[in-house]
Amino acid sequence: MKETHDVNKSNVNHDSIDSNVRPKTHHIPKIDMRKFDGKDPATWILQMEQFFDLNNVQNTQKVHMETVYLEPN
């Protein structure tokens, strides 16, 4: 008796495995940016927006990055 091999049975359902894994985020390079201290907000915002545009930073990452560059009062 000859046994046949069903290729589809050996495939793993990657969709169910990947759904439990956190999506990979785009690596954002470090920047040489002064912390925002309340002075000259227009220039600071412009520089942050330019950095985000050049590095294709996702909206969800922008807020996190901006908070890193805020000077505590």
Protein backbone atom coordinates (compact mmCIF):
# COMPACT_ATOMS: atom_id res chain seq x y z
CA MET A 1 0.00 0.00 0.00
CA LYS A 2 1.43 3.35 -1.07
CA GLU A 3 1.05 6.27 1.35
CA THR A 4 0.36 9.69 -0.10
CA HIS A 5 1.58 12.84 1.54
CA ASP A 6 -0.83 15.76 1.83
CA VAL A 7 1.24 18.94 1.64
CA ASN A 8 -1.57 21.05 3.11
CA LYS A 9 -1.64 19.04 6.35
CA SER A 10 1.97 19.85 7.12
CA ASN A 11 1.55 23.61 6.72
CA VAL A 12 1.36 25.62 9.90
CA ASN A 13 -1.31 28.25 10.27
CA HIS A 14 0.94 31.30 10.62
CA ASP A 15 -2.01 33.67 10.91
CA SER A 16 -2.99 32.31 14.30
CA ILE A 17 0.62 32.32 15.52
CA ASP A 18 1.32 35.87 14.29
CA SER A 19 -1.86 37.25 15.85
CA ASN A 20 -0.40 36.72 19.33
CA VAL A 21 2.90 38.40 18.54
CA ARG A 22 3.34 42.14 18.98
CA PRO A 23 3.80 43.87 15.64
CA LYS A 24 7.31 45.03 14.88
CA THR A 25 7.81 48.75 15.03
CA HIS A 26 9.92 50.78 12.70
CA HIS A 27 13.32 51.52 14.25
CA ILE A 28 13.74 55.23 14.80
CA PRO A 29 17.27 56.60 14.87
CA LYS A 30 18.42 58.76 17.77
CA ILE A 31 18.36 62.46 17.11
CA ASP A 32 20.39 65.36 18.35
CA MET A 33 17.47 67.48 19.48
CA ARG A 34 17.27 69.99 22.28
CA LYS A 35 14.62 69.36 24.88
CA PHE A 36 11.64 71.67 24.65
CA ASP A 37 11.80 74.14 27.52
CA GLY A 38 8.98 76.45 26.45
CA LYS A 39 11.18 78.76 24.39
CA ASP A 40 10.77 79.06 20.62
CA PRO A 41 8.01 76.44 20.22
CA ALA A 42 7.56 77.04 16.47
CA THR A 43 11.16 76.07 15.67
CA TRP A 44 11.06 73.04 17.98
CA ILE A 45 7.82 71.78 16.42
CA LEU A 46 9.18 72.34 12.90
CA GLN A 47 12.35 70.37 13.69
CA MET A 48 10.35 67.48 15.19
CA GLU A 49 7.98 67.39 12.19
CA GLN A 50 10.92 67.38 9.77
CA PHE A 51 12.52 64.50 11.65
CA PHE A 52 9.25 62.54 11.64
CA ASP A 53 8.78 63.09 7.90
CA LEU A 54 12.36 62.11 7.00
CA ASN A 55 12.20 58.93 9.09
CA ASN A 56 8.59 57.92 8.32
CA VAL A 57 7.70 57.90 12.01
CA GLN A 58 4.24 56.47 12.67
CA ASN A 59 1.69 58.66 14.45
CA THR A 60 1.56 56.26 17.40
CA GLN A 61 5.30 56.74 17.95
CA LYS A 62 5.32 60.53 17.57
CA VAL A 63 3.70 61.28 20.92
CA HIS A 64 6.09 58.96 22.74
CA MET A 65 9.10 60.59 21.10
CA GLU A 66 7.83 64.10 21.80
CA THR A 67 7.41 63.37 25.49
CA VAL A 68 11.02 62.20 25.67
CA TYR A 69 12.12 65.62 24.43
CA LEU A 70 10.07 67.70 26.89
CA GLU A 71 11.93 69.49 29.66
CA PRO A 72 10.21 68.93 33.04
CA ASN A 73 9.00 72.13 34.76
